Every structure is written in structure tokens, then in C-alpha cells.
């Protein structure tokens, strides 16, 4: 059963474009290099473009946690952390129901 890593970021308006570009680069260019990465979706708040959610799919919790640990010092992750108006958050979950 896949594990979902749900990330939430809040970038202030002045850096929202850069924050989105960094988030896209992290997930498009970097995450696929990690064992266990399956796919992701980047969701932008319609009313607040600096508010982003990423729903990443991983094969296991262990693989998602390894990616978090190993990627924390990457320049894109550090820059994203510098730009946010509040700390980025992550939780891990699994699907308990799905619509058809």
C-alpha cells in the first residue's frame, strides 16, 4: 500500500513565484531520484498562490523518511525553508477510502 507524504508551504506574495519554482524543482527533478518515489501532485491555492500543497506517493514510510532525511541539506530545501512565512509541514498518511 503506498504512503502519502503531504507537504504544506506558505510563501509570502513577494517570493511566491520563487517558492513555487523551488517546490516544482524539488519534486520534478530531485524526488524521482530517491528509491521508493512513485509520483506527486503539486496543488496551488486559488486564492493565495504562495500556499502550496504537495501530495507525494512513496512505496513505504521508510523510503519517504529516508528521502526527508537525505534531502534536508539540499540547497533547494534550504532555500525553500528560508523563504516560507512559517515552517513547512509534512505528514504521512494512507488512503482509507476513495471515490470511484
Protein backbone atom coordinates (compact mmCIF):
# COMPACT_ATOMS: atom_id res chain seq x y z
CA UNK A 1 0.00 0.00 0.00
CA UNK A 2 1.52 3.38 -0.94
CA UNK A 3 2.29 6.02 1.63
CA UNK A 4 1.46 9.67 1.00
CA UNK A 5 3.72 12.48 2.16
CA UNK A 6 1.65 15.66 2.31
CA UNK A 7 3.70 18.86 2.43
CA UNK A 8 2.29 22.33 3.08
CA UNK A 9 4.21 25.52 2.36
CA UNK A 10 3.26 29.19 2.78
CA UNK A 11 5.35 31.62 0.73
CA UNK A 12 4.75 35.37 1.13
CA UNK A 13 3.48 37.17 -2.01
CA UNK A 14 6.87 38.76 -2.72
CA UNK A 15 8.52 35.32 -3.10
CA UNK A 16 5.54 33.15 -4.11
CA UNK A 17 6.84 32.66 -7.66
CA UNK A 18 10.30 31.62 -6.44
CA UNK A 19 8.76 29.34 -3.81
CA UNK A 20 6.64 27.60 -6.41
CA UNK A 21 9.63 27.20 -8.76
CA UNK A 22 11.68 25.68 -5.94
CA UNK A 23 8.87 23.34 -4.97
CA UNK A 24 8.43 22.25 -8.58
CA UNK A 25 12.18 21.63 -8.93
CA UNK A 26 12.31 19.61 -5.71
CA UNK A 27 9.55 17.29 -6.81
CA UNK A 28 10.16 17.21 -10.57
CA UNK A 29 13.95 16.98 -10.58
CA UNK A 30 15.08 15.67 -7.20
CA UNK A 31 12.48 13.38 -5.61
CA UNK A 32 12.34 10.93 -8.55
CA UNK A 33 15.99 10.10 -7.82
CA UNK A 34 15.06 8.58 -4.46
CA UNK A 35 14.26 4.89 -4.10
CA UNK A 36 10.59 4.45 -3.37
CA UNK A 37 9.35 7.63 -5.05
CA UNK A 38 6.22 6.91 -7.10
CA UNK A 39 4.60 10.22 -8.12
CA UNK A 40 3.39 13.56 -6.82
CA UNK A 41 0.84 16.31 -7.33
CA UNK A 42 1.51 19.99 -6.64
CA UNK A 43 -1.59 21.95 -5.67
CA UNK A 44 -1.70 25.76 -5.58
CA UNK A 45 -4.31 27.63 -3.52
CA UNK A 46 -6.56 29.56 -5.93
CA UNK A 47 -6.85 32.49 -3.52
CA UNK A 48 -3.28 32.51 -2.23
CA UNK A 49 -0.69 31.41 -4.82
CA UNK A 50 2.01 31.24 -2.16
CA UNK A 51 0.10 28.49 -0.35
CA UNK A 52 1.12 25.13 -1.80
CA UNK A 53 0.37 21.51 -1.04
CA UNK A 54 2.35 18.63 -2.44
CA UNK A 55 0.96 15.13 -2.22
CA UNK A 56 3.82 12.75 -2.88
CA UNK A 57 3.40 9.00 -3.19
CA UNK A 58 6.06 6.60 -1.86
CA UNK A 59 6.29 2.83 -1.78
CA UNK A 60 6.86 2.76 2.00
CA UNK A 61 7.09 5.03 5.01
CA UNK A 62 10.75 4.09 5.36
CA UNK A 63 11.52 5.36 1.83
CA UNK A 64 9.65 8.62 2.45
CA UNK A 65 11.51 9.15 5.73
CA UNK A 66 14.87 8.37 4.10
CA UNK A 67 14.21 10.96 1.38
CA UNK A 68 13.31 13.55 4.03
CA UNK A 69 16.47 12.84 5.98
CA UNK A 70 18.78 12.71 2.97
CA UNK A 71 17.32 15.78 1.23
CA UNK A 72 17.19 18.17 4.20
CA UNK A 73 20.58 19.76 3.46
CA UNK A 74 19.99 20.13 -0.30
CA UNK A 75 20.19 23.76 -1.47
CA UNK A 76 16.60 23.73 -2.80
CA UNK A 77 15.24 22.51 0.54
CA UNK A 78 17.30 25.04 2.48
CA UNK A 79 16.19 27.90 0.20
CA UNK A 80 12.53 26.90 0.45
CA UNK A 81 12.84 26.88 4.24
CA UNK A 82 14.37 30.38 4.12
CA UNK A 83 11.50 31.78 2.03
CA UNK A 84 8.44 30.45 3.86
CA UNK A 85 6.45 32.65 6.21
CA UNK A 86 6.02 29.71 8.61
CA UNK A 87 7.78 26.36 8.79
CA UNK A 88 6.87 23.87 6.08
CA UNK A 89 4.95 20.90 7.45
CA UNK A 90 4.72 17.27 6.44
CA UNK A 91 2.55 14.41 7.49
CA UNK A 92 2.44 10.84 6.26
CA UNK A 93 -0.78 9.01 5.58
CA UNK A 94 -2.50 6.26 3.67
CA UNK A 95 -5.78 6.08 1.78
CA UNK A 96 -8.69 4.90 3.91
CA UNK A 97 -11.39 5.47 1.30
CA UNK A 98 -11.61 6.55 -2.32
CA UNK A 99 -14.42 7.67 -4.59
CA UNK A 100 -14.98 5.81 -7.81
